Amino acid sequence: MRSAKWALPVAAIALALACVLAPAQALAHGGNPNYRSEINSFQPPLPSGVSIEVLDYDSYLQLIDQHGHEVLLYGYDGEPYARIEKDGTVQVNQRSPATYLNDSRFAEETVPASADAKAAPEWKTVDSSGTFIWHDHRMHYMSRSLPPSIEDTAEKQKVFNYTIPMSVDGQNTVLHGTLWWVGSQGTSKLPFLIAAIVIVLGGGALVVWIRRRRDRDRDDDDGGGSDEPKPTEPVGEAW
């Protein structure tokens, strides 16, 4: 009975913590809402059916090949990193250091000795949809600290320009982009507002539940739940 008695309070606390921690976990593993990575152009332009867009503020790029082109992405040392073949097969080069460095936002992964940018590619098929999503360190700021060029954190400012080389059907092209600092303009307060509402409502429900539990326990202690008949007062004789 004791475990059941505390089941509701524990559940309420767990729910509140989940709502508070969820935005923090999303920030730790995804993009930073204080930044915006934007694609400016492709030189030369991409052919029809091939498109690239930024996902999650400054964290991922999504390449889509719809019309049977062959697209090759280059890694940080100019080596073949990933490709989409004409039939939509998506492959990643297991010898490219980028394959392992891209697994974490700040390139904290250990690159195996087998990774060699100068070695012949070793392709591994990872998908067949003609779509490839990857994290690219060239499109975001590689530090947890504030960029030294940011003077006013409340104003939008350019952090740097960047380029990502690739080829389409054997023709080299370059993605030109810009990383912006947007500060508080880019931070959504909605998740934190929802968390605050849940905590307030959960806390109120918890208080009501505790009070009712105390009242019920008090009634039990007073004998309100006993089936034994109460003794009657003796009736005195009238003189």
Protein backbone atom coordinates (compact mmCIF):
# COMPACT_ATOMS: atom_id res chain seq x y z
CA MET A 1 0.00 0.00 0.00
CA ARG A 2 2.90 2.34 0.74
CA SER A 3 4.19 2.11 -2.84
CA ALA A 4 0.72 2.83 -4.23
CA LYS A 5 0.38 5.78 -1.89
CA TRP A 6 3.34 7.55 -3.49
CA ALA A 7 2.72 6.44 -7.08
CA LEU A 8 0.89 9.64 -8.09
CA PRO A 9 3.42 12.10 -6.60
CA VAL A 10 6.34 10.27 -8.18
CA ALA A 11 4.59 10.22 -11.57
CA ALA A 12 3.86 13.95 -11.37
CA ILE A 13 7.47 14.77 -10.54
CA ALA A 14 8.75 12.53 -13.34
CA LEU A 15 6.45 14.23 -15.85
CA ALA A 16 7.59 17.69 -14.80
CA LEU A 17 11.26 16.72 -15.06
CA ALA A 18 10.71 15.20 -18.49
CA CYS A 19 9.15 18.43 -19.77
CA VAL A 20 12.01 20.53 -18.40
CA LEU A 21 14.83 18.29 -19.58
CA ALA A 22 13.49 17.59 -23.07
CA PRO A 23 14.42 21.02 -24.55
CA ALA A 24 17.89 20.82 -22.98
CA GLN A 25 18.51 17.36 -24.41
CA ALA A 26 17.34 18.49 -27.84
CA LEU A 27 19.79 21.40 -27.70
CA ALA A 28 22.65 19.15 -26.60
CA HIS A 29 22.23 16.70 -29.51
CA GLY A 30 20.83 18.94 -32.26
CA GLY A 31 21.29 22.39 -33.68
CA ASN A 32 21.76 25.60 -31.73
CA PRO A 33 18.74 27.95 -32.03
CA ASN A 34 21.04 30.93 -31.48
CA TYR A 35 22.48 30.34 -34.96
CA ARG A 36 21.14 30.14 -38.49
CA SER A 37 23.07 28.46 -41.27
CA GLU A 38 21.82 29.64 -44.67
CA ILE A 39 22.60 28.47 -48.19
CA ASN A 40 23.27 31.43 -50.48
CA SER A 41 24.00 29.83 -53.83
CA PHE A 42 25.54 26.99 -55.82
CA GLN A 43 28.26 27.82 -58.34
CA PRO A 44 27.50 26.58 -60.92
CA PRO A 45 23.80 26.04 -60.11
CA LEU A 46 22.44 22.58 -59.37
CA PRO A 47 20.49 20.83 -62.13
CA SER A 48 16.75 20.27 -61.86
CA GLY A 49 15.86 17.52 -59.42
CA VAL A 50 18.84 18.02 -57.10
CA SER A 51 18.30 20.13 -53.97
CA ILE A 52 20.01 20.77 -50.63
CA GLU A 53 18.52 22.44 -47.57
CA VAL A 54 19.55 23.16 -43.97
CA LEU A 55 17.82 21.31 -41.14
CA ASP A 56 17.75 22.06 -37.41
CA TYR A 57 19.14 25.62 -37.45
CA ASP A 58 22.82 24.88 -38.17
CA SER A 59 23.18 21.16 -37.71
CA TYR A 60 22.28 19.13 -40.80
CA LEU A 61 22.15 19.29 -44.56
CA GLN A 62 19.63 17.28 -46.56
CA LEU A 63 20.48 16.31 -50.12
CA ILE A 64 17.65 15.07 -52.37
CA ASP A 65 18.24 13.60 -55.82
CA GLN A 66 14.92 13.11 -57.62
CA HIS A 67 15.83 12.89 -61.31
CA GLY A 68 18.51 10.22 -61.54
CA HIS A 69 21.67 12.29 -61.20
CA GLU A 70 24.90 11.11 -59.64
CA VAL A 71 25.92 13.39 -56.75
CA LEU A 72 29.24 13.17 -54.91
CA LEU A 73 30.02 15.04 -51.67
CA TYR A 74 33.60 15.79 -50.65
CA GLY A 75 34.99 15.54 -47.11
CA TYR A 76 37.21 17.93 -45.17
CA ASP A 77 40.39 16.84 -46.97
CA GLY A 78 38.82 16.84 -50.42
CA GLU A 79 38.23 13.08 -50.36
CA PRO A 80 35.03 11.38 -51.57
CA TYR A 81 32.74 11.32 -48.52
CA ALA A 82 29.25 10.30 -49.65
CA ARG A 83 27.35 9.84 -52.88
CA ILE A 84 23.93 9.24 -54.37
CA GLU A 85 23.89 7.10 -57.49
CA LYS A 86 21.48 7.45 -60.39
CA ASP A 87 19.20 4.71 -59.04
CA GLY A 88 18.88 6.47 -55.65
CA THR A 89 21.41 4.29 -53.80
CA VAL A 90 23.08 6.26 -51.00
CA GLN A 91 26.62 5.28 -50.02
CA VAL A 92 29.18 6.54 -47.49
CA ASN A 93 32.94 6.12 -47.83
CA GLN A 94 34.23 4.15 -44.84
CA ARG A 95 37.78 5.38 -45.49
CA SER A 96 36.78 9.05 -45.25
CA PRO A 97 37.62 10.70 -41.87
CA ALA A 98 34.45 12.79 -42.29
CA THR A 99 32.35 9.63 -41.88
CA TYR A 100 33.43 9.46 -38.24
CA LEU A 101 33.98 13.15 -37.46
CA ASN A 102 30.39 13.92 -38.48
CA ASP A 103 28.97 11.64 -35.78
CA SER A 104 29.14 14.42 -33.16
CA ARG A 105 28.62 18.18 -33.29
CA PHE A 106 32.14 19.05 -32.14
CA ALA A 107 34.02 16.21 -33.88
CA GLU A 108 34.70 14.44 -30.59
CA GLU A 109 34.55 10.96 -32.12
CA THR A 110 37.70 8.87 -32.47
CA VAL A 111 38.73 8.43 -36.09
CA PRO A 112 39.88 4.84 -36.69
CA ALA A 113 43.30 4.14 -38.15
CA SER A 114 41.61 2.67 -41.22
CA ALA A 115 40.30 6.12 -42.19
CA ASP A 116 42.59 7.68 -44.77
CA ALA A 117 41.56 10.55 -47.01
CA LYS A 118 44.16 9.50 -49.60
CA ALA A 119 43.02 5.87 -49.77
CA ALA A 120 40.71 4.45 -52.41
CA PRO A 121 37.04 4.79 -51.33
CA GLU A 122 35.36 1.89 -49.57
CA TRP A 123 31.65 2.45 -50.19
CA LYS A 124 28.94 1.24 -47.81
CA THR A 125 25.28 1.43 -48.82
CA VAL A 126 23.18 3.16 -46.15
CA ASP A 127 19.94 3.96 -47.99
CA SER A 128 18.14 3.67 -51.33
CA SER A 129 15.73 6.62 -51.25
CA GLY A 130 17.85 9.17 -53.09
CA THR A 131 18.02 11.27 -49.90
CA PHE A 132 21.04 11.82 -47.67
CA ILE A 133 21.11 13.78 -44.40
CA TRP A 134 24.44 14.53 -42.76
CA HIS A 135 26.05 16.78 -40.18
CA ASP A 136 28.73 19.03 -41.66
CA HIS A 137 31.18 20.92 -39.46
CA ARG A 138 31.76 23.56 -42.12
CA MET A 139 28.28 24.98 -41.62
CA HIS A 140 28.39 25.69 -37.86
CA TYR A 141 30.63 27.26 -35.20
CA MET A 142 32.96 24.61 -33.80
CA SER A 143 32.97 25.75 -30.17
CA ARG A 144 30.62 25.83 -27.20
CA SER A 145 31.76 29.36 -26.37
CA LEU A 146 30.49 32.55 -27.96
CA PRO A 147 32.20 33.63 -31.22
CA PRO A 148 34.62 36.50 -30.44
CA SER A 149 33.12 38.59 -33.25
CA ILE A 150 29.73 38.79 -31.48
CA GLU A 151 29.48 42.13 -29.69
CA ASP A 152 25.74 42.33 -29.02
CA THR A 153 24.12 38.95 -28.40
CA ALA A 154 20.65 40.41 -29.01
CA GLU A 155 21.39 41.42 -32.63
CA LYS A 156 21.73 39.35 -35.79
CA GLN A 157 25.36 39.23 -36.96
CA LYS A 158 27.37 37.26 -39.48
CA VAL A 159 29.75 34.71 -38.00
CA PHE A 160 31.42 33.49 -41.20
CA ASN A 161 30.92 32.38 -44.79
CA TYR A 162 31.57 28.77 -45.74
CA THR A 163 31.82 26.53 -48.78
CA ILE A 164 31.10 22.82 -49.30
CA PRO A 165 32.41 21.21 -52.51
CA MET A 166 30.56 18.52 -54.45
CA SER A 167 30.02 17.26 -57.96
CA VAL A 168 26.91 16.42 -59.98
CA ASP A 169 27.23 14.06 -62.93
CA GLY A 170 30.98 14.64 -62.89
CA GLN A 171 30.74 18.45 -62.89
CA ASN A 172 32.19 20.18 -59.83
CA THR A 173 30.02 22.69 -57.99
CA VAL A 174 30.34 24.53 -54.69
CA LEU A 175 27.71 25.29 -52.06
CA HIS A 176 28.16 28.82 -50.70
CA GLY A 177 26.60 29.53 -47.32
CA THR A 178 26.65 31.90 -44.36
CA LEU A 179 26.43 31.21 -40.64
CA TRP A 180 24.49 33.88 -38.72
CA TRP A 181 24.18 34.60 -35.03
CA VAL A 182 20.56 35.44 -34.22
CA GLY A 183 20.70 35.17 -30.43
CA SER A 184 17.44 35.52 -28.54
CA GLN A 185 15.59 36.17 -31.82
CA GLY A 186 16.00 32.53 -32.72
CA THR A 187 15.19 30.96 -29.36
CA SER A 188 11.67 29.68 -29.04
CA LYS A 189 10.17 30.13 -25.57
CA LEU A 190 7.27 27.78 -26.29
CA PRO A 191 8.87 24.58 -24.90
CA PHE A 192 9.77 26.32 -21.66
CA LEU A 193 6.31 27.90 -21.39
CA ILE A 194 4.68 24.50 -21.83
CA ALA A 195 7.01 23.01 -19.22
CA ALA A 196 6.13 25.79 -16.76
CA ILE A 197 2.38 25.23 -17.27
CA VAL A 198 2.76 21.48 -16.78
CA ILE A 199 4.76 22.02 -13.58
CA VAL A 200 2.19 24.46 -12.17
CA LEU A 201 -0.77 22.21 -13.01
CA GLY A 202 1.05 19.12 -11.82
CA GLY A 203 2.06 20.85 -8.59
CA GLY A 204 -1.51 22.00 -7.93
CA ALA A 205 -2.88 18.51 -8.54
CA LEU A 206 -0.22 17.09 -6.23
CA VAL A 207 -1.17 19.48 -3.41
CA VAL A 208 -4.87 18.58 -3.74
CA TRP A 209 -4.05 14.87 -3.75
CA ILE A 210 -1.87 15.15 -0.62
CA ARG A 211 -4.58 17.08 1.25
CA ARG A 212 -7.22 14.50 0.36
CA ARG A 213 -4.90 11.70 1.41
CA ARG A 214 -4.28 13.39 4.76
CA ASP A 215 -8.02 13.90 5.33
CA ARG A 216 -8.70 10.25 4.50
CA ASP A 217 -5.94 9.06 6.83
CA ARG A 218 -7.28 11.32 9.59
CA ASP A 219 -10.76 9.85 9.20
CA ASP A 220 -9.32 6.35 9.44
CA ASP A 221 -7.44 7.26 12.63
CA ASP A 222 -10.67 8.60 14.16
CA GLY A 223 -12.37 5.27 13.61
CA GLY A 224 -14.51 6.44 10.75
CA GLY A 225 -13.76 3.25 8.84
CA SER A 226 -14.42 0.74 11.71
CA ASP A 227 -17.37 -1.67 11.69
CA GLU A 228 -17.38 -2.04 15.52
CA PRO A 229 -20.45 -0.46 17.17
CA LYS A 230 -19.72 2.55 19.35
CA PRO A 231 -20.47 2.07 23.09
CA THR A 232 -23.60 3.83 24.28
CA GLU A 233 -23.72 6.06 27.32
CA PRO A 234 -25.43 4.47 30.35
CA VAL A 235 -28.84 5.88 31.05
CA GLY A 236 -29.21 7.05 34.66
CA GLU A 237 -32.31 6.55 36.71
CA ALA A 238 -34.49 9.54 37.41
CA TRP A 239 -34.94 10.39 41.06
